[in-house]
């Protein structure tokens, strides 16, 4: 019984970390780094619950809905609040509006995912987990970028979630069962690194997450250019000879 409940317990742990991230964010800018680390820890649990559910054959509609509700909090609301505390509160009402747009788009993204069959091996739209991870860590670059680029980046992430851009689904990649026993060691190492270098750790995590978000944009642009090129070639072939 306990084994079958393990995936849902991990999902609840993810939800708990999202709530903690929100609380940490509102303790002030000093704790924003720890709030971002908490969101990253939630990403680890979110990546585990589905895999373990499939491994234990404990998948259920209940677990799917619980996962979506948890993701809205941990990767939608929490990162938005982190950005609000770090930067957007300076914009008053506009900052509140931008803060609200991100979790709303995240909820729409999850609702679409739950009711529509996607493309095998791909996500349609940037997953909220990746978008939330990018946003939570992007907020820590508030000393590098001005408020304008940060707010724009947040809106772009919100748009990518509800877009039709395809992103590779790494969750479908098979992992040997033996690797699950190494997972606690990896998580412990990540936590140790985060505790020893709390200021630099989330900034480093930002880089691969941002590259993943940009990858979808690049692939989409490449496809559009190929389609236009094919259309141009077909139009040239259909023209009569002079």
C-alpha atoms as a PDB file:
ATOM      1  CA  UNK A   1       0.000   0.000   0.000  1.00  0.00           C
ATOM      2  CA  UNK A   2       2.800   2.387   0.967  1.00  0.00           C
ATOM      3  CA  UNK A   3       4.704   1.587  -2.225  1.00  0.00           C
ATOM      4  CA  UNK A   4       1.695   2.414  -4.390  1.00  0.00           C
ATOM      5  CA  UNK A   5       1.235   5.712  -2.527  1.00  0.00           C
ATOM      6  CA  UNK A   6       4.886   6.738  -2.976  1.00  0.00           C
ATOM      7  CA  UNK A   7       4.367   8.697  -6.257  1.00  0.00           C
ATOM      8  CA  UNK A   8       1.550  10.754  -4.694  1.00  0.00           C
ATOM      9  CA  UNK A   9       3.690  11.382  -1.607  1.00  0.00           C
ATOM     10  CA  UNK A  10       6.413  12.789  -3.865  1.00  0.00           C
ATOM     11  CA  UNK A  11       3.813  14.990  -5.571  1.00  0.00           C
ATOM     12  CA  UNK A  12       2.617  16.270  -2.185  1.00  0.00           C
ATOM     13  CA  UNK A  13       6.256  16.929  -1.307  1.00  0.00           C
ATOM     14  CA  UNK A  14       6.490  18.993  -4.497  1.00  0.00           C
ATOM     15  CA  UNK A  15       3.408  20.974  -3.420  1.00  0.00           C
ATOM     16  CA  UNK A  16       4.869  21.486   0.060  1.00  0.00           C
ATOM     17  CA  UNK A  17       8.084  22.892  -1.445  1.00  0.00           C
ATOM     18  CA  UNK A  18       6.047  25.299  -3.553  1.00  0.00           C
ATOM     19  CA  UNK A  19       4.303  26.635  -0.454  1.00  0.00           C
ATOM     20  CA  UNK A  20       7.644  26.954   1.338  1.00  0.00           C
ATOM     21  CA  UNK A  21       9.079  28.848  -1.668  1.00  0.00           C
ATOM     22  CA  UNK A  22       6.222  31.371  -1.469  1.00  0.00           C
ATOM     23  CA  UNK A  23       6.769  31.868   2.263  1.00  0.00           C
ATOM     24  CA  UNK A  24      10.521  32.301   1.776  1.00  0.00           C
ATOM     25  CA  UNK A  25       9.994  34.810  -1.038  1.00  0.00           C
ATOM     26  CA  UNK A  26       7.882  37.055   1.177  1.00  0.00           C
ATOM     27  CA  UNK A  27      10.512  37.072   3.912  1.00  0.00           C
ATOM     28  CA  UNK A  28      12.382  39.607   1.790  1.00  0.00           C
ATOM     29  CA  UNK A  29      15.081  39.730  -0.870  1.00  0.00           C
ATOM     30  CA  UNK A  30      17.558  38.020   1.473  1.00  0.00           C
ATOM     31  CA  UNK A  31      15.599  34.781   1.171  1.00  0.00           C
ATOM     32  CA  UNK A  32      14.851  34.934  -2.556  1.00  0.00           C
ATOM     33  CA  UNK A  33      17.866  32.715  -3.317  1.00  0.00           C
ATOM     34  CA  UNK A  34      16.542  30.031  -0.967  1.00  0.00           C
ATOM     35  CA  UNK A  35      13.075  30.340  -2.483  1.00  0.00           C
ATOM     36  CA  UNK A  36      14.568  29.659  -5.941  1.00  0.00           C
ATOM     37  CA  UNK A  37      16.482  26.656  -4.579  1.00  0.00           C
ATOM     38  CA  UNK A  38      13.219  25.324  -3.122  1.00  0.00           C
ATOM     39  CA  UNK A  39      11.567  25.537  -6.561  1.00  0.00           C
ATOM     40  CA  UNK A  40      14.523  23.639  -8.052  1.00  0.00           C
ATOM     41  CA  UNK A  41      14.090  20.947  -5.387  1.00  0.00           C
ATOM     42  CA  UNK A  42      10.427  20.774  -6.397  1.00  0.00           C
ATOM     43  CA  UNK A  43      11.558  20.145  -9.979  1.00  0.00           C
ATOM     44  CA  UNK A  44      13.505  17.108  -8.803  1.00  0.00           C
ATOM     45  CA  UNK A  45      10.455  15.652  -7.062  1.00  0.00           C
ATOM     46  CA  UNK A  46       8.257  16.449 -10.062  1.00  0.00           C
ATOM     47  CA  UNK A  47      10.641  14.539 -12.298  1.00  0.00           C
ATOM     48  CA  UNK A  48      10.561  11.550  -9.970  1.00  0.00           C
ATOM     49  CA  UNK A  49       6.867  11.078  -9.215  1.00  0.00           C
ATOM     50  CA  UNK A  50       5.815  10.216 -12.766  1.00  0.00           C
ATOM     51  CA  UNK A  51       8.771   7.941 -13.405  1.00  0.00           C
ATOM     52  CA  UNK A  52       8.275   6.047 -10.158  1.00  0.00           C
ATOM     53  CA  UNK A  53       4.520   5.774 -10.808  1.00  0.00           C
ATOM     54  CA  UNK A  54       5.255   4.141 -14.167  1.00  0.00           C
ATOM     55  CA  UNK A  55       7.898   1.897 -12.661  1.00  0.00           C
ATOM     56  CA  UNK A  56       5.537   0.739  -9.880  1.00  0.00           C
ATOM     57  CA  UNK A  57       2.542   0.661 -12.241  1.00  0.00           C
ATOM     58  CA  UNK A  58       0.766   3.009  -9.840  1.00  0.00           C
ATOM     59  CA  UNK A  59      -0.481   5.548 -12.387  1.00  0.00           C
ATOM     60  CA  UNK A  60      -3.967   6.952 -11.770  1.00  0.00           C
ATOM     61  CA  UNK A  61      -6.245   9.820 -12.761  1.00  0.00           C
ATOM     62  CA  UNK A  62      -6.075  11.015  -9.157  1.00  0.00           C
ATOM     63  CA  UNK A  63      -2.281  11.231  -9.313  1.00  0.00           C
ATOM     64  CA  UNK A  64      -2.437  13.070 -12.630  1.00  0.00           C
ATOM     65  CA  UNK A  65      -4.822  15.714 -11.278  1.00  0.00           C
ATOM     66  CA  UNK A  66      -2.847  16.068  -8.040  1.00  0.00           C
ATOM     67  CA  UNK A  67       0.339  16.564 -10.039  1.00  0.00           C
ATOM     68  CA  UNK A  68      -1.251  19.339 -12.130  1.00  0.00           C
ATOM     69  CA  UNK A  69      -2.592  21.167  -9.059  1.00  0.00           C
ATOM     70  CA  UNK A  70       0.795  20.931  -7.353  1.00  0.00           C
ATOM     71  CA  UNK A  71       2.591  22.196 -10.454  1.00  0.00           C
ATOM     72  CA  UNK A  72       0.401  25.302 -10.607  1.00  0.00           C
ATOM     73  CA  UNK A  73       1.556  26.249  -7.101  1.00  0.00           C
ATOM     74  CA  UNK A  74       5.217  25.220  -7.243  1.00  0.00           C
ATOM     75  CA  UNK A  75       6.038  26.260 -10.810  1.00  0.00           C
ATOM     76  CA  UNK A  76       3.356  28.867 -11.475  1.00  0.00           C
ATOM     77  CA  UNK A  77       2.492  30.842  -8.340  1.00  0.00           C
ATOM     78  CA  UNK A  78       5.795  30.460  -6.435  1.00  0.00           C
ATOM     79  CA  UNK A  79       8.152  31.629  -9.246  1.00  0.00           C
ATOM     80  CA  UNK A  80       5.787  34.522 -10.040  1.00  0.00           C
ATOM     81  CA  UNK A  81       5.916  35.662  -6.409  1.00  0.00           C
ATOM     82  CA  UNK A  82       9.704  35.299  -6.391  1.00  0.00           C
ATOM     83  CA  UNK A  83       9.935  37.600  -9.408  1.00  0.00           C
ATOM     84  CA  UNK A  84       7.428  40.002  -7.844  1.00  0.00           C
ATOM     85  CA  UNK A  85       9.425  40.304  -4.617  1.00  0.00           C
ATOM     86  CA  UNK A  86      12.754  40.568  -6.439  1.00  0.00           C
ATOM     87  CA  UNK A  87      11.720  43.026  -9.154  1.00  0.00           C
ATOM     88  CA  UNK A  88       8.086  43.550 -10.141  1.00  0.00           C
ATOM     89  CA  UNK A  89       6.815  45.194  -6.962  1.00  0.00           C
ATOM     90  CA  UNK A  90       8.525  48.335  -8.218  1.00  0.00           C
ATOM     91  CA  UNK A  91       5.959  48.539 -11.036  1.00  0.00           C
ATOM     92  CA  UNK A  92       2.953  48.744  -8.671  1.00  0.00           C
ATOM     93  CA  UNK A  93      -0.271  47.733 -10.488  1.00  0.00           C
ATOM     94  CA  UNK A  94       1.539  46.741 -13.697  1.00  0.00           C
ATOM     95  CA  UNK A  95       3.802  44.492 -11.652  1.00  0.00           C
ATOM     96  CA  UNK A  96       0.773  42.774 -10.109  1.00  0.00           C
ATOM     97  CA  UNK A  97      -0.729  42.234 -13.567  1.00  0.00           C
ATOM     98  CA  UNK A  98       2.466  40.706 -14.974  1.00  0.00           C
ATOM     99  CA  UNK A  99       2.791  38.538 -11.867  1.00  0.00           C
ATOM    100  CA  UNK A 100      -0.739  37.200 -12.365  1.00  0.00           C
ATOM    101  CA  UNK A 101      -0.314  36.468 -16.080  1.00  0.00           C
ATOM    102  CA  UNK A 102       2.396  33.848 -15.531  1.00  0.00           C
ATOM    103  CA  UNK A 103       0.486  31.394 -13.274  1.00  0.00           C
ATOM    104  CA  UNK A 104      -2.685  31.936 -15.323  1.00  0.00           C
ATOM    105  CA  UNK A 105      -0.854  30.834 -18.488  1.00  0.00           C
ATOM    106  CA  UNK A 106       0.630  27.954 -16.521  1.00  0.00           C
ATOM    107  CA  UNK A 107      -2.844  26.799 -15.460  1.00  0.00           C
ATOM    108  CA  UNK A 108      -4.063  27.044 -19.071  1.00  0.00           C
ATOM    109  CA  UNK A 109      -1.041  25.031 -20.210  1.00  0.00           C
ATOM    110  CA  UNK A 110      -1.767  22.255 -17.705  1.00  0.00           C
ATOM    111  CA  UNK A 111      -5.490  22.207 -18.492  1.00  0.00           C
ATOM    112  CA  UNK A 112      -4.712  21.794 -22.200  1.00  0.00           C
ATOM    113  CA  UNK A 113      -2.197  19.060 -21.431  1.00  0.00           C
ATOM    114  CA  UNK A 114      -4.789  17.130 -19.401  1.00  0.00           C
ATOM    115  CA  UNK A 115      -7.539  17.179 -22.041  1.00  0.00           C
ATOM    116  CA  UNK A 116      -5.640  17.048 -25.330  1.00  0.00           C
ATOM    117  CA  UNK A 117      -3.517  14.247 -26.703  1.00  0.00           C
ATOM    118  CA  UNK A 118      -0.073  15.614 -27.407  1.00  0.00           C
ATOM    119  CA  UNK A 119       2.617  14.729 -29.926  1.00  0.00           C
ATOM    120  CA  UNK A 120       4.471  11.483 -29.038  1.00  0.00           C
ATOM    121  CA  UNK A 121       7.872  12.326 -27.556  1.00  0.00           C
ATOM    122  CA  UNK A 122       7.128  16.058 -27.333  1.00  0.00           C
ATOM    123  CA  UNK A 123       5.373  18.625 -25.175  1.00  0.00           C
ATOM    124  CA  UNK A 124       3.173  21.157 -26.954  1.00  0.00           C
ATOM    125  CA  UNK A 125       4.155  24.431 -25.335  1.00  0.00           C
ATOM    126  CA  UNK A 126       6.912  24.957 -22.793  1.00  0.00           C
ATOM    127  CA  UNK A 127       6.210  22.730 -19.747  1.00  0.00           C
ATOM    128  CA  UNK A 128       5.308  24.722 -16.639  1.00  0.00           C
ATOM    129  CA  UNK A 129       8.062  22.919 -14.710  1.00  0.00           C
ATOM    130  CA  UNK A 130      10.749  24.293 -17.022  1.00  0.00           C
ATOM    131  CA  UNK A 131       9.113  27.724 -17.277  1.00  0.00           C
ATOM    132  CA  UNK A 132       8.853  28.010 -13.496  1.00  0.00           C
ATOM    133  CA  UNK A 133      12.450  26.923 -13.036  1.00  0.00           C
ATOM    134  CA  UNK A 134      13.660  29.512 -15.547  1.00  0.00           C
ATOM    135  CA  UNK A 135      11.602  32.278 -13.925  1.00  0.00           C
ATOM    136  CA  UNK A 136      12.623  31.465 -10.349  1.00  0.00           C
ATOM    137  CA  UNK A 137      16.304  31.543 -11.269  1.00  0.00           C
ATOM    138  CA  UNK A 138      15.967  34.462 -13.703  1.00  0.00           C
ATOM    139  CA  UNK A 139      14.785  36.628 -10.808  1.00  0.00           C
ATOM    140  CA  UNK A 140      18.208  36.224  -9.214  1.00  0.00           C
ATOM    141  CA  UNK A 141      19.787  38.132 -12.099  1.00  0.00           C
ATOM    142  CA  UNK A 142      18.064  41.347 -11.001  1.00  0.00           C
ATOM    143  CA  UNK A 143      21.468  42.932 -10.421  1.00  0.00           C
ATOM    144  CA  UNK A 144      22.577  42.073 -13.957  1.00  0.00           C
ATOM    145  CA  UNK A 145      19.464  43.017 -15.954  1.00  0.00           C
ATOM    146  CA  UNK A 146      17.141  45.973 -15.569  1.00  0.00           C
ATOM    147  CA  UNK A 147      13.480  45.558 -14.740  1.00  0.00           C
ATOM    148  CA  UNK A 148      12.387  45.869 -18.401  1.00  0.00           C
ATOM    149  CA  UNK A 149      14.179  42.776 -19.774  1.00  0.00           C
ATOM    150  CA  UNK A 150      13.212  40.737 -16.699  1.00  0.00           C
ATOM    151  CA  UNK A 151       9.518  41.603 -17.043  1.00  0.00           C
ATOM    152  CA  UNK A 152       9.672  40.913 -20.786  1.00  0.00           C
ATOM    153  CA  UNK A 153      11.368  37.581 -20.161  1.00  0.00           C
ATOM    154  CA  UNK A 154       8.570  36.635 -17.761  1.00  0.00           C
ATOM    155  CA  UNK A 155       5.904  37.465 -20.368  1.00  0.00           C
ATOM    156  CA  UNK A 156       7.792  35.489 -23.037  1.00  0.00           C
ATOM    157  CA  UNK A 157       7.885  32.447 -20.741  1.00  0.00           C
ATOM    158  CA  UNK A 158       4.145  32.807 -20.130  1.00  0.00           C
ATOM    159  CA  UNK A 159       3.523  32.931 -23.886  1.00  0.00           C
ATOM    160  CA  UNK A 160       5.737  29.917 -24.551  1.00  0.00           C
ATOM    161  CA  UNK A 161       3.651  27.831 -22.147  1.00  0.00           C
ATOM    162  CA  UNK A 162       0.428  28.414 -24.091  1.00  0.00           C
ATOM    163  CA  UNK A 163       2.093  28.363 -27.516  1.00  0.00           C
ATOM    164  CA  UNK A 164       2.061  25.448 -29.977  1.00  0.00           C
ATOM    165  CA  UNK A 165       5.856  25.201 -29.974  1.00  0.00           C
ATOM    166  CA  UNK A 166       7.055  21.621 -29.473  1.00  0.00           C
ATOM    167  CA  UNK A 167       9.612  20.727 -26.802  1.00  0.00           C
ATOM    168  CA  UNK A 168      11.278  17.313 -26.411  1.00  0.00           C
ATOM    169  CA  UNK A 169       9.816  15.180 -23.628  1.00  0.00           C
ATOM    170  CA  UNK A 170      12.783  13.804 -21.711  1.00  0.00           C
ATOM    171  CA  UNK A 171      10.430  11.993 -19.325  1.00  0.00           C
ATOM    172  CA  UNK A 172       9.800   9.444 -22.066  1.00  0.00           C
ATOM    173  CA  UNK A 173      13.471   8.485 -22.154  1.00  0.00           C
ATOM    174  CA  UNK A 174      13.915   5.118 -20.525  1.00  0.00           C
ATOM    175  CA  UNK A 175      16.056   4.904 -17.399  1.00  0.00           C
ATOM    176  CA  UNK A 176      17.379   1.637 -15.948  1.00  0.00           C
ATOM    177  CA  UNK A 177      15.708   0.641 -12.693  1.00  0.00           C
ATOM    178  CA  UNK A 178      19.115   0.543 -11.012  1.00  0.00           C
ATOM    179  CA  UNK A 179      19.421   4.295 -11.570  1.00  0.00           C
ATOM    180  CA  UNK A 180      16.565   4.972  -9.152  1.00  0.00           C
ATOM    181  CA  UNK A 181      18.701   3.758  -6.269  1.00  0.00           C
ATOM    182  CA  UNK A 182      21.324   6.360  -7.138  1.00  0.00           C
ATOM    183  CA  UNK A 183      18.723   9.150  -7.136  1.00  0.00           C
ATOM    184  CA  UNK A 184      18.858   9.824  -3.351  1.00  0.00           C
ATOM    185  CA  UNK A 185      22.643  10.227  -3.603  1.00  0.00           C
ATOM    186  CA  UNK A 186      22.281  12.703  -6.475  1.00  0.00           C
ATOM    187  CA  UNK A 187      19.612  14.656  -4.595  1.00  0.00           C
ATOM    188  CA  UNK A 188      21.799  14.729  -1.469  1.00  0.00           C
ATOM    189  CA  UNK A 189      24.712  16.050  -3.538  1.00  0.00           C
ATOM    190  CA  UNK A 190      22.536  18.753  -5.099  1.00  0.00           C
ATOM    191  CA  UNK A 191      21.255  19.796  -1.658  1.00  0.00           C
ATOM    192  CA  UNK A 192      24.809  19.928  -0.288  1.00  0.00           C
ATOM    193  CA  UNK A 193      25.927  22.119  -3.199  1.00  0.00           C
ATOM    194  CA  UNK A 194      22.893  24.363  -2.708  1.00  0.00           C
ATOM    195  CA  UNK A 195      23.558  24.786   1.023  1.00  0.00           C
ATOM    196  CA  UNK A 196      27.252  25.560   0.540  1.00  0.00           C
ATOM    197  CA  UNK A 197      26.748  27.939  -2.399  1.00  0.00           C
ATOM    198  CA  UNK A 198      23.153  29.227  -2.118  1.00  0.00           C
ATOM    199  CA  UNK A 199      23.822  32.386  -4.119  1.00  0.00           C
ATOM    200  CA  UNK A 200      25.525  30.776  -7.116  1.00  0.00           C
ATOM    201  CA  UNK A 201      23.710  27.428  -7.309  1.00  0.00           C
ATOM    202  CA  UNK A 202      20.348  28.610  -8.725  1.00  0.00           C
ATOM    203  CA  UNK A 203      22.092  30.965 -11.151  1.00  0.00           C
ATOM    204  CA  UNK A 204      23.984  27.990 -12.578  1.00  0.00           C
ATOM    205  CA  UNK A 205      20.770  25.957 -12.858  1.00  0.00           C
ATOM    206  CA  UNK A 206      19.235  28.829 -14.843  1.00  0.00           C
ATOM    207  CA  UNK A 207      21.544  28.231 -17.812  1.00  0.00           C
ATOM    208  CA  UNK A 208      20.420  24.726 -18.942  1.00  0.00           C
ATOM    209  CA  UNK A 209      16.769  25.596 -18.254  1.00  0.00           C
ATOM    210  CA  UNK A 210      17.007  28.771 -20.342  1.00  0.00           C
ATOM    211  CA  UNK A 211      18.697  26.836 -23.159  1.00  0.00           C
ATOM    212  CA  UNK A 212      15.812  24.352 -23.143  1.00  0.00           C
ATOM    213  CA  UNK A 213      13.299  27.205 -23.448  1.00  0.00           C
ATOM    214  CA  UNK A 214      15.295  28.789 -26.275  1.00  0.00           C
ATOM    215  CA  UNK A 215      15.685  25.417 -28.034  1.00  0.00           C
ATOM    216  CA  UNK A 216      11.976  25.255 -28.782  1.00  0.00           C
ATOM    217  CA  UNK A 217      11.996  28.762 -30.239  1.00  0.00           C
ATOM    218  CA  UNK A 218      14.985  27.938 -32.451  1.00  0.00           C
ATOM    219  CA  UNK A 219      13.429  24.696 -33.723  1.00  0.00           C
ATOM    220  CA  UNK A 220      10.152  26.480 -34.454  1.00  0.00           C
ATOM    221  CA  UNK A 221      11.945  29.211 -36.430  1.00  0.00           C
ATOM    222  CA  UNK A 222      13.884  26.558 -38.367  1.00  0.00           C
ATOM    223  CA  UNK A 223      10.645  24.780 -39.287  1.00  0.00           C
ATOM    224  CA  UNK A 224       9.015  28.028 -40.427  1.00  0.00           C
ATOM    225  CA  UNK A 225      12.027  28.863 -42.597  1.00  0.00           C
ATOM    226  CA  UNK A 226      11.957  25.361 -44.155  1.00  0.00           C
ATOM    227  CA  UNK A 227       8.223  25.670 -44.899  1.00  0.00           C
ATOM    228  CA  UNK A 228       8.716  29.061 -46.532  1.00  0.00           C
ATOM    229  CA  UNK A 229      11.615  27.726 -48.555  1.00  0.00           C
ATOM    230  CA  UNK A 230       9.530  24.762 -49.765  1.00  0.00           C
ATOM    231  CA  UNK A 231       6.625  27.060 -50.615  1.00  0.00           C
ATOM    232  CA  UNK A 232       8.960  29.322 -52.559  1.00  0.00           C
ATOM    233  CA  UNK A 233      10.380  26.369 -54.491  1.00  0.00           C
ATOM    234  CA  UNK A 234       6.911  25.006 -55.272  1.00  0.00           C
ATOM    235  CA  UNK A 235       5.756  28.423 -56.491  1.00  0.00           C
ATOM    236  CA  UNK A 236       8.800  28.695 -58.754  1.00  0.00           C
ATOM    237  CA  UNK A 237       8.101  25.228 -60.201  1.00  0.00           C
ATOM    238  CA  UNK A 238       4.463  26.137 -60.913  1.00  0.00           C
ATOM    239  CA  UNK A 239       5.396  29.275 -62.891  1.00  0.00           C
ATOM    240  CA  UNK A 240       5.123  28.859 -66.702  1.00  0.00           C
ATOM    241  CA  UNK A 241       8.280  29.055 -68.772  1.00  0.00           C
ATOM    242  CA  UNK A 242       8.815  32.404 -70.506  1.00  0.00           C
END
